[in-house]
C-alpha atoms as a PDB file:
ATOM      1  CA  MET A   1     -26.325  15.667 -10.396  1.00  0.00           C
ATOM      2  CA  SER A   2     -26.069  12.429 -12.266  1.00  0.00           C
ATOM      3  CA  GLY A   3     -27.532   9.884 -10.860  1.00  0.00           C
ATOM      4  CA  LEU A   4     -24.860   7.222 -11.586  1.00  0.00           C
ATOM      5  CA  VAL A   5     -22.516   6.263  -9.081  1.00  0.00           C
ATOM      6  CA  THR A   6     -18.814   5.113  -9.882  1.00  0.00           C
ATOM      7  CA  ARG A   7     -16.987   1.845  -8.800  1.00  0.00           C
ATOM      8  CA  ARG A   8     -14.612   3.959  -6.787  1.00  0.00           C
ATOM      9  CA  ALA A   9     -17.311   5.891  -5.071  1.00  0.00           C
ATOM     10  CA  LEU A  10     -19.204   2.523  -4.153  1.00  0.00           C
ATOM     11  CA  VAL A  11     -15.888   0.706  -3.121  1.00  0.00           C
ATOM     12  CA  ALA A  12     -15.104   3.227  -0.441  1.00  0.00           C
ATOM     13  CA  GLY A  13     -18.276   3.278   0.094  1.00  0.00           C
ATOM     14  CA  LEU A  14     -18.779  -0.143   0.707  1.00  0.00           C
ATOM     15  CA  ALA A  15     -15.025  -0.632   2.473  1.00  0.00           C
ATOM     16  CA  ALA A  16     -16.252   2.066   5.525  1.00  0.00           C
ATOM     17  CA  GLY A  17     -19.452   0.473   5.484  1.00  0.00           C
ATOM     18  CA  ALA A  18     -17.784  -3.205   6.501  1.00  0.00           C
ATOM     19  CA  GLY A  19     -15.207  -1.625   8.593  1.00  0.00           C
ATOM     20  CA  GLY A  20     -17.973   0.743  10.484  1.00  0.00           C
ATOM     21  CA  LEU A  21     -20.149  -2.572  10.885  1.00  0.00           C
ATOM     22  CA  LEU A  22     -17.424  -4.405  12.935  1.00  0.00           C
ATOM     23  CA  SER A  23     -16.245  -1.528  14.949  1.00  0.00           C
ATOM     24  CA  GLY A  24     -19.727  -0.789  15.975  1.00  0.00           C
ATOM     25  CA  CYS A  25     -20.503  -4.475  16.830  1.00  0.00           C
ATOM     26  CA  ASP A  26     -18.047  -5.806  18.254  1.00  0.00           C
ATOM     27  CA  GLU A  27     -19.500  -9.061  19.193  1.00  0.00           C
ATOM     28  CA  LEU A  28     -20.566  -9.845  15.917  1.00  0.00           C
ATOM     29  CA  GLY A  29     -16.899  -8.712  14.652  1.00  0.00           C
ATOM     30  CA  GLN A  30     -15.148 -11.527  16.410  1.00  0.00           C
ATOM     31  CA  ASP A  31     -17.664 -14.253  15.836  1.00  0.00           C
ATOM     32  CA  PRO A  32     -15.409 -16.695  13.511  1.00  0.00           C
ATOM     33  CA  GLU A  33     -18.717 -17.741  11.170  1.00  0.00           C
ATOM     34  CA  PHE A  34     -19.451 -14.364  10.534  1.00  0.00           C
ATOM     35  CA  ARG A  35     -15.598 -13.148   9.861  1.00  0.00           C
ATOM     36  CA  ARG A  36     -15.879 -16.642   7.202  1.00  0.00           C
ATOM     37  CA  LEU A  37     -18.575 -14.920   5.802  1.00  0.00           C
ATOM     38  CA  LEU A  38     -16.513 -12.040   5.393  1.00  0.00           C
ATOM     39  CA  GLY A  39     -13.183 -13.972   3.811  1.00  0.00           C
ATOM     40  CA  THR A  40     -15.505 -15.526   1.592  1.00  0.00           C
ATOM     41  CA  ALA A  41     -17.497 -12.594   0.561  1.00  0.00           C
ATOM     42  CA  GLU A  42     -13.933 -11.011   0.088  1.00  0.00           C
ATOM     43  CA  GLN A  43     -13.020 -13.862  -1.874  1.00  0.00           C
ATOM     44  CA  ALA A  44     -15.404 -12.782  -4.195  1.00  0.00           C
ATOM     45  CA  ASN A  45     -15.192  -9.585  -4.534  1.00  0.00           C
ATOM     46  CA  TYR A  46     -11.113 -10.103  -5.372  1.00  0.00           C
ATOM     47  CA  ARG A  47     -11.693 -12.873  -8.358  1.00  0.00           C
ATOM     48  CA  LEU A  48     -14.732 -10.618 -10.112  1.00  0.00           C
ATOM     49  CA  HIS A  49     -12.324  -7.313 -10.286  1.00  0.00           C
ATOM     50  CA  ARG A  50      -9.553  -9.054 -11.668  1.00  0.00           C
ATOM     51  CA  LEU A  51     -12.560 -10.502 -14.047  1.00  0.00           C
ATOM     52  CA  LEU A  52     -13.562  -7.530 -15.269  1.00  0.00           C
ATOM     53  CA  GLN A  53     -11.038  -4.904 -14.546  1.00  0.00           C
ATOM     54  CA  ASN A  54      -8.421  -4.817 -17.977  1.00  0.00           C
ATOM     55  CA  ARG A  55      -5.183  -5.309 -15.993  1.00  0.00           C
ATOM     56  CA  ALA A  56      -3.481  -2.593 -17.669  1.00  0.00           C
ATOM     57  CA  ALA A  57      -5.797   0.117 -16.858  1.00  0.00           C
ATOM     58  CA  LEU A  58      -5.047   3.354 -15.405  1.00  0.00           C
ATOM     59  CA  ALA A  59      -6.353   5.258 -12.456  1.00  0.00           C
ATOM     60  CA  GLU A  60      -7.478   8.382 -13.669  1.00  0.00           C
ATOM     61  CA  GLU A  61      -4.838  11.242 -13.783  1.00  0.00           C
ATOM     62  CA  PHE A  62      -4.614  14.937 -13.087  1.00  0.00           C
ATOM     63  CA  ALA A  63      -3.205  17.984 -14.058  1.00  0.00           C
ATOM     64  CA  PRO A  64      -0.952  19.649 -11.690  1.00  0.00           C
ATOM     65  CA  GLN A  65      -3.580  22.942 -11.185  1.00  0.00           C
ATOM     66  CA  GLN A  66      -5.851  19.895  -9.911  1.00  0.00           C
ATOM     67  CA  ARG A  67      -3.275  19.069  -6.723  1.00  0.00           C
ATOM     68  CA  SER A  68      -5.476  19.987  -3.627  1.00  0.00           C
ATOM     69  CA  PRO A  69      -3.393  22.501  -1.679  1.00  0.00           C
ATOM     70  CA  THR A  70      -2.245  20.015   0.938  1.00  0.00           C
ATOM     71  CA  PHE A  71      -1.957  15.964   1.249  1.00  0.00           C
ATOM     72  CA  ARG A  72      -2.831  15.169   5.228  1.00  0.00           C
ATOM     73  CA  HIS A  73      -0.992  12.151   6.289  1.00  0.00           C
ATOM     74  CA  ASN A  74      -3.200   9.705   8.347  1.00  0.00           C
ATOM     75  CA  GLY A  75      -1.564   6.922  10.850  1.00  0.00           C
ATOM     76  CA  THR A  76       1.831   7.055  12.567  1.00  0.00           C
ATOM     77  CA  ALA A  77       3.444  10.498  12.012  1.00  0.00           C
ATOM     78  CA  MET A  78       6.767   9.528  13.205  1.00  0.00           C
ATOM     79  CA  PRO A  79       8.244   5.765  13.266  1.00  0.00           C
ATOM     80  CA  ALA A  80       9.160   5.010  17.171  1.00  0.00           C
ATOM     81  CA  GLY A  81      12.387   3.517  17.993  1.00  0.00           C
ATOM     82  CA  THR A  82      15.983   4.612  17.699  1.00  0.00           C
ATOM     83  CA  ASP A  83      16.711   3.489  13.816  1.00  0.00           C
ATOM     84  CA  TYR A  84      14.672   5.249  12.519  1.00  0.00           C
ATOM     85  CA  ALA A  85      15.298   8.314  14.347  1.00  0.00           C
ATOM     86  CA  ARG A  86      19.426   8.057  13.409  1.00  0.00           C
ATOM     87  CA  HIS A  87      18.984   7.879   9.506  1.00  0.00           C
ATOM     88  CA  LEU A  88      16.335  10.264   9.688  1.00  0.00           C
ATOM     89  CA  ARG A  89      18.672  12.325  11.697  1.00  0.00           C
ATOM     90  CA  ASP A  90      21.432  10.901   8.712  1.00  0.00           C
ATOM     91  CA  GLY A  91      19.535  11.938   6.312  1.00  0.00           C
ATOM     92  CA  PHE A  92      19.169   8.463   5.206  1.00  0.00           C
ATOM     93  CA  ALA A  93      22.169   8.019   4.112  1.00  0.00           C
ATOM     94  CA  ASP A  94      22.682   4.866   5.101  1.00  0.00           C
ATOM     95  CA  TRP A  95      19.271   3.396   4.680  1.00  0.00           C
ATOM     96  CA  ARG A  96      18.625   0.220   2.823  1.00  0.00           C
ATOM     97  CA  LEU A  97      15.428  -1.291   0.775  1.00  0.00           C
ATOM     98  CA  VAL A  98      15.649  -5.021   1.185  1.00  0.00           C
ATOM     99  CA  ILE A  99      14.162  -6.828  -1.444  1.00  0.00           C
ATOM    100  CA  ASP A 100      14.375 -10.617  -0.163  1.00  0.00           C
ATOM    101  CA  GLY A 101      12.235 -13.870  -0.256  1.00  0.00           C
ATOM    102  CA  MET A 102      11.064 -15.815  -3.382  1.00  0.00           C
ATOM    103  CA  VAL A 103      14.265 -13.847  -5.264  1.00  0.00           C
ATOM    104  CA  ALA A 104      16.921 -14.677  -7.184  1.00  0.00           C
ATOM    105  CA  ARG A 105      19.264 -11.829  -7.017  1.00  0.00           C
ATOM    106  CA  PRO A 106      18.357 -10.542  -2.698  1.00  0.00           C
ATOM    107  CA  GLN A 107      18.611  -6.656  -2.217  1.00  0.00           C
ATOM    108  CA  ALA A 108      19.765  -3.341  -0.400  1.00  0.00           C
ATOM    109  CA  ILE A 109      19.940  -0.518  -2.374  1.00  0.00           C
ATOM    110  CA  PRO A 110      20.409   3.096  -1.144  1.00  0.00           C
ATOM    111  CA  LEU A 111      18.099   5.602  -1.101  1.00  0.00           C
ATOM    112  CA  ALA A 112      20.643   7.867  -3.237  1.00  0.00           C
ATOM    113  CA  GLU A 113      20.389   4.578  -6.271  1.00  0.00           C
ATOM    114  CA  LEU A 114      16.604   4.674  -6.075  1.00  0.00           C
ATOM    115  CA  ARG A 115      16.314   8.189  -6.496  1.00  0.00           C
ATOM    116  CA  ALA A 116      19.022   7.614  -9.554  1.00  0.00           C
ATOM    117  CA  MET A 117      16.791   4.964 -11.031  1.00  0.00           C
ATOM    118  CA  PRO A 118      14.208   5.166 -13.999  1.00  0.00           C
ATOM    119  CA  ALA A 119      10.912   6.903 -11.832  1.00  0.00           C
ATOM    120  CA  ARG A 120       7.509   7.386 -13.334  1.00  0.00           C
ATOM    121  CA  GLN A 121       5.339  10.528 -12.259  1.00  0.00           C
ATOM    122  CA  GLN A 122       1.814  10.597 -11.585  1.00  0.00           C
ATOM    123  CA  ILE A 123      -0.599  13.208 -10.177  1.00  0.00           C
ATOM    124  CA  THR A 124      -3.593  10.975  -8.564  1.00  0.00           C
ATOM    125  CA  ARG A 125      -6.041  11.076  -6.208  1.00  0.00           C
ATOM    126  CA  HIS A 126      -6.085   9.090  -2.784  1.00  0.00           C
ATOM    127  CA  ASP A 127      -9.011   8.076  -1.683  1.00  0.00           C
ATOM    128  CA  CYS A 128      -8.922   7.385   2.086  1.00  0.00           C
ATOM    129  CA  VAL A 129     -11.280   4.344   3.518  1.00  0.00           C
ATOM    130  CA  GLU A 130     -12.037   6.809   6.448  1.00  0.00           C
ATOM    131  CA  GLY A 131     -13.769   9.229   3.893  1.00  0.00           C
ATOM    132  CA  TRP A 132     -11.827  11.903   2.479  1.00  0.00           C
ATOM    133  CA  SER A 133      -9.674  12.069  -0.923  1.00  0.00           C
ATOM    134  CA  ALA A 134      -6.723  14.152  -1.961  1.00  0.00           C
ATOM    135  CA  ILE A 135      -5.441  14.913  -5.663  1.00  0.00           C
ATOM    136  CA  ALA A 136      -1.102  15.082  -5.579  1.00  0.00           C
ATOM    137  CA  LYS A 137       1.909  14.282  -7.674  1.00  0.00           C
ATOM    138  CA  TRP A 138       4.657  11.286  -6.960  1.00  0.00           C
ATOM    139  CA  THR A 139       7.621  10.114  -8.253  1.00  0.00           C
ATOM    140  CA  GLY A 140       9.189   6.785  -7.558  1.00  0.00           C
ATOM    141  CA  VAL A 141      10.402   3.528  -8.812  1.00  0.00           C
ATOM    142  CA  PRO A 142       8.215   1.527 -10.634  1.00  0.00           C
ATOM    143  CA  LEU A 143       7.714  -1.830  -8.436  1.00  0.00           C
ATOM    144  CA  LYS A 144       8.047  -3.664 -11.375  1.00  0.00           C
ATOM    145  CA  LEU A 145      11.785  -3.003 -12.472  1.00  0.00           C
ATOM    146  CA  LEU A 146      13.079  -3.399  -8.467  1.00  0.00           C
ATOM    147  CA  LEU A 147      11.369  -7.081  -8.641  1.00  0.00           C
ATOM    148  CA  ASP A 148      12.880  -7.769 -12.425  1.00  0.00           C
ATOM    149  CA  ARG A 149      16.149  -6.549 -11.123  1.00  0.00           C
ATOM    150  CA  ALA A 150      15.847  -8.757  -8.185  1.00  0.00           C
ATOM    151  CA  GLY A 151      14.830 -11.430 -10.219  1.00  0.00           C
ATOM    152  CA  ILE A 152      11.168 -12.512  -8.820  1.00  0.00           C
ATOM    153  CA  SER A 153      10.670 -16.187  -8.781  1.00  0.00           C
ATOM    154  CA  PRO A 154       7.181 -17.198 -11.146  1.00  0.00           C
ATOM    155  CA  GLN A 155       6.381 -18.980  -7.863  1.00  0.00           C
ATOM    156  CA  ALA A 156       5.918 -16.049  -5.787  1.00  0.00           C
ATOM    157  CA  LYS A 157       2.365 -14.896  -5.554  1.00  0.00           C
ATOM    158  CA  PHE A 158       2.484 -12.056  -2.837  1.00  0.00           C
ATOM    159  CA  LEU A 159       5.106  -9.355  -1.999  1.00  0.00           C
ATOM    160  CA  VAL A 160       4.698  -7.839   1.356  1.00  0.00           C
ATOM    161  CA  PHE A 161       5.896  -4.952   2.513  1.00  0.00           C
ATOM    162  CA  HIS A 162       7.340  -4.624   6.013  1.00  0.00           C
ATOM    163  CA  CYS A 163       7.112  -0.973   7.393  1.00  0.00           C
ATOM    164  CA  ALA A 164       9.186   0.960  10.410  1.00  0.00           C
ATOM    165  CA  ASP A 165       6.196   2.214  12.036  1.00  0.00           C
ATOM    166  CA  ALA A 166       5.587  -0.667  14.440  1.00  0.00           C
ATOM    167  CA  GLN A 167       1.689  -0.182  16.133  1.00  0.00           C
ATOM    168  CA  SER A 168       1.415   0.787  20.338  1.00  0.00           C
ATOM    169  CA  ASN A 169       0.433  -2.629  20.558  1.00  0.00           C
ATOM    170  CA  GLY A 170       4.040  -3.648  19.386  1.00  0.00           C
ATOM    171  CA  ALA A 171       2.339  -5.110  16.251  1.00  0.00           C
ATOM    172  CA  PRO A 172       4.538  -4.405  13.062  1.00  0.00           C
ATOM    173  CA  TYR A 173       2.411  -2.992  10.219  1.00  0.00           C
ATOM    174  CA  TYR A 174       3.370  -3.930   6.917  1.00  0.00           C
ATOM    175  CA  GLU A 175       0.927  -4.686   3.734  1.00  0.00           C
ATOM    176  CA  SER A 176       0.918  -6.790   0.619  1.00  0.00           C
ATOM    177  CA  ILE A 177      -0.283  -6.863  -2.599  1.00  0.00           C
ATOM    178  CA  ASP A 178      -0.146  -9.349  -5.665  1.00  0.00           C
ATOM    179  CA  ARG A 179       2.217  -9.783  -8.752  1.00  0.00           C
ATOM    180  CA  VAL A 180      -0.751  -8.126 -10.971  1.00  0.00           C
ATOM    181  CA  ASP A 181      -0.398  -5.039  -8.622  1.00  0.00           C
ATOM    182  CA  ALA A 182       2.831  -5.015  -8.390  1.00  0.00           C
ATOM    183  CA  ALA A 183       3.355  -5.181 -12.009  1.00  0.00           C
ATOM    184  CA  HIS A 184       0.778  -2.041 -12.785  1.00  0.00           C
ATOM    185  CA  PRO A 185       2.799   0.674 -13.910  1.00  0.00           C
ATOM    186  CA  GLN A 186       1.376   2.943 -11.532  1.00  0.00           C
ATOM    187  CA  THR A 187       2.695   0.980  -8.727  1.00  0.00           C
ATOM    188  CA  VAL A 188       5.686   2.920  -7.473  1.00  0.00           C
ATOM    189  CA  LEU A 189       7.873   3.432  -4.669  1.00  0.00           C
ATOM    190  CA  ALA A 190       7.365   7.029  -4.135  1.00  0.00           C
ATOM    191  CA  TRP A 191      10.428   9.129  -2.741  1.00  0.00           C
ATOM    192  CA  ALA A 192       9.392  12.177  -3.737  1.00  0.00           C
ATOM    193  CA  LEU A 193       5.665  14.226  -2.838  1.00  0.00           C
ATOM    194  CA  ASN A 194       4.909  17.489  -5.279  1.00  0.00           C
ATOM    195  CA  ASP A 195       8.222  17.558  -6.355  1.00  0.00           C
ATOM    196  CA  ARG A 196       9.652  17.403  -2.914  1.00  0.00           C
ATOM    197  CA  PRO A 197      11.478  14.412  -0.986  1.00  0.00           C
ATOM    198  CA  LEU A 198       8.880  12.709   0.638  1.00  0.00           C
ATOM    199  CA  PRO A 199       8.359  13.891   4.039  1.00  0.00           C
ATOM    200  CA  VAL A 200       8.003  12.301   7.224  1.00  0.00           C
ATOM    201  CA  GLN A 201       4.814  12.233   7.905  1.00  0.00           C
ATOM    202  CA  ASN A 202       3.858  10.934   4.648  1.00  0.00           C
ATOM    203  CA  GLY A 203       6.066   8.128   5.168  1.00  0.00           C
ATOM    204  CA  ALA A 204       9.995   8.958   4.139  1.00  0.00           C
ATOM    205  CA  PRO A 205      12.491   7.718   3.145  1.00  0.00           C
ATOM    206  CA  LEU A 206       9.869   5.772   0.803  1.00  0.00           C
ATOM    207  CA  ARG A 207       6.154   4.883   0.494  1.00  0.00           C
ATOM    208  CA  LEU A 208       4.088   2.473  -1.543  1.00  0.00           C
ATOM    209  CA  ARG A 209       1.725   3.613  -4.159  1.00  0.00           C
ATOM    210  CA  VAL A 210      -0.871   1.553  -5.442  1.00  0.00           C
ATOM    211  CA  GLU A 211      -2.815   3.701  -7.185  1.00  0.00           C
ATOM    212  CA  ARG A 212      -6.001   1.431  -7.718  1.00  0.00           C
ATOM    213  CA  GLN A 213      -6.311   0.664  -4.608  1.00  0.00           C
ATOM    214  CA  LEU A 214      -7.929   1.969  -1.517  1.00  0.00           C
ATOM    215  CA  GLY A 215      -5.526   4.907   0.912  1.00  0.00           C
ATOM    216  CA  TYR A 216      -4.413   2.159   3.645  1.00  0.00           C
ATOM    217  CA  LYS A 217      -2.648  -0.297   0.744  1.00  0.00           C
ATOM    218  CA  HIS A 218      -0.085   2.528   0.407  1.00  0.00           C
ATOM    219  CA  ALA A 219       2.234   1.606   3.733  1.00  0.00           C
ATOM    220  CA  LYS A 220       4.404   4.443   4.242  1.00  0.00           C
ATOM    221  CA  TYR A 221       8.316   3.813   5.619  1.00  0.00           C
ATOM    222  CA  VAL A 222       8.896   0.672   3.198  1.00  0.00           C
ATOM    223  CA  GLY A 223      12.001  -0.747   4.258  1.00  0.00           C
ATOM    224  CA  ARG A 224      11.579  -4.817   3.301  1.00  0.00           C
ATOM    225  CA  ILE A 225       9.773  -6.434   0.215  1.00  0.00           C
ATOM    226  CA  GLU A 226       9.693 -10.175   0.671  1.00  0.00           C
ATOM    227  CA  ALA A 227       8.295 -12.307  -2.260  1.00  0.00           C
ATOM    228  CA  VAL A 228       5.736 -15.051  -0.717  1.00  0.00           C
ATOM    229  CA  ALA A 229       3.922 -17.566  -2.357  1.00  0.00           C
ATOM    230  CA  SER A 230       0.965 -17.980   0.273  1.00  0.00           C
ATOM    231  CA  LEU A 231       0.293 -14.522   3.049  1.00  0.00           C
ATOM    232  CA  ALA A 232      -0.691 -17.564   5.395  1.00  0.00           C
ATOM    233  CA  GLY A 233       2.530 -17.366   7.614  1.00  0.00           C
ATOM    234  CA  ILE A 234       2.808 -13.529   7.723  1.00  0.00           C
ATOM    235  CA  TYR A 235       1.955 -11.848  10.894  1.00  0.00           C
ATOM    236  CA  GLY A 236      -1.965 -12.735  11.412  1.00  0.00           C
ATOM    237  CA  GLY A 237      -1.658 -14.029   7.935  1.00  0.00           C
ATOM    238  CA  ARG A 238      -4.864 -12.169   6.101  1.00  0.00           C
ATOM    239  CA  GLY A 239      -2.072  -9.778   4.162  1.00  0.00           C
ATOM    240  CA  GLY A 240      -1.898  -6.705   6.090  1.00  0.00           C
ATOM    241  CA  PHE A 241      -1.910  -4.733  10.088  1.00  0.00           C
ATOM    242  CA  TRP A 242      -5.312  -3.478   8.900  1.00  0.00           C
ATOM    243  CA  GLU A 243      -7.064  -6.321   7.481  1.00  0.00           C
ATOM    244  CA  ASP A 244      -5.640  -8.476  10.490  1.00  0.00           C
ATOM    245  CA  VAL A 245      -6.412  -6.613  13.478  1.00  0.00           C
ATOM    246  CA  ALA A 246      -9.917  -4.690  11.839  1.00  0.00           C
ATOM    247  CA  GLY A 247     -10.610  -7.221   9.142  1.00  0.00           C
ATOM    248  CA  TYR A 248     -10.168  -4.732   6.708  1.00  0.00           C
ATOM    249  CA  GLU A 249     -10.437  -6.277   3.226  1.00  0.00           C
ATOM    250  CA  TRP A 250      -7.152  -7.082   2.013  1.00  0.00           C
ATOM    251  CA  TYR A 251      -8.095  -6.801  -1.926  1.00  0.00           C
ATOM    252  CA  ALA A 252      -9.205  -3.046  -1.767  1.00  0.00           C
ATOM    253  CA  GLY A 253      -9.761  -2.460  -5.597  1.00  0.00           C
ATOM    254  CA  ILE A 254     -11.231   0.723  -6.643  1.00  0.00           C
END
């Protein structure tokens, strides 16, 4: 076996280690100074990735025969509430993807229209912070295409993905990425998994695929994309549900 350690394996290990540290040492994890130090290290990691990594570099893609037998689901398998149940019952016929915030032309796009737009297909590996991975084929609309259509403002630095799956404590699920990852050719809003409509447990009708980041960044059940200049005023202010409640790194680049 090679003694080389890939950046993907290293970052996954560090992220898993950080999550284990926070969950295994609650008192330390709640200490404001310790969390400030973690945040400082996270910003350094983010800047280092942006400095060293070719912004247009593609995540590895695979051949059809390399796909995993199944693509397991993680987290929510069925969003609660009557709204999602109604959309699911109606085949998402009246569902709309909302794009708003710092855009010139707010959008409310039906699923049928999204499926008719130019799409990208990619067979990639999903790496979960919990330690498992799976290879699958995704079909979806490039996020950049949708942002260009909406006329995103040059002052908007981040995209926030608001999702249908509220958590057991009532906190809404959300995630966010920056403009660099939003413009990446492999960043898509996927509506199909392995050539079939996206299953409910995997995020139907639409999920984010941001292939150069760990799996918790790939938000499911996306219903709204908000362009913002800062993440500070969004829910817990750290840019995502797991970042807010468990101290996960906002930037999970691999």
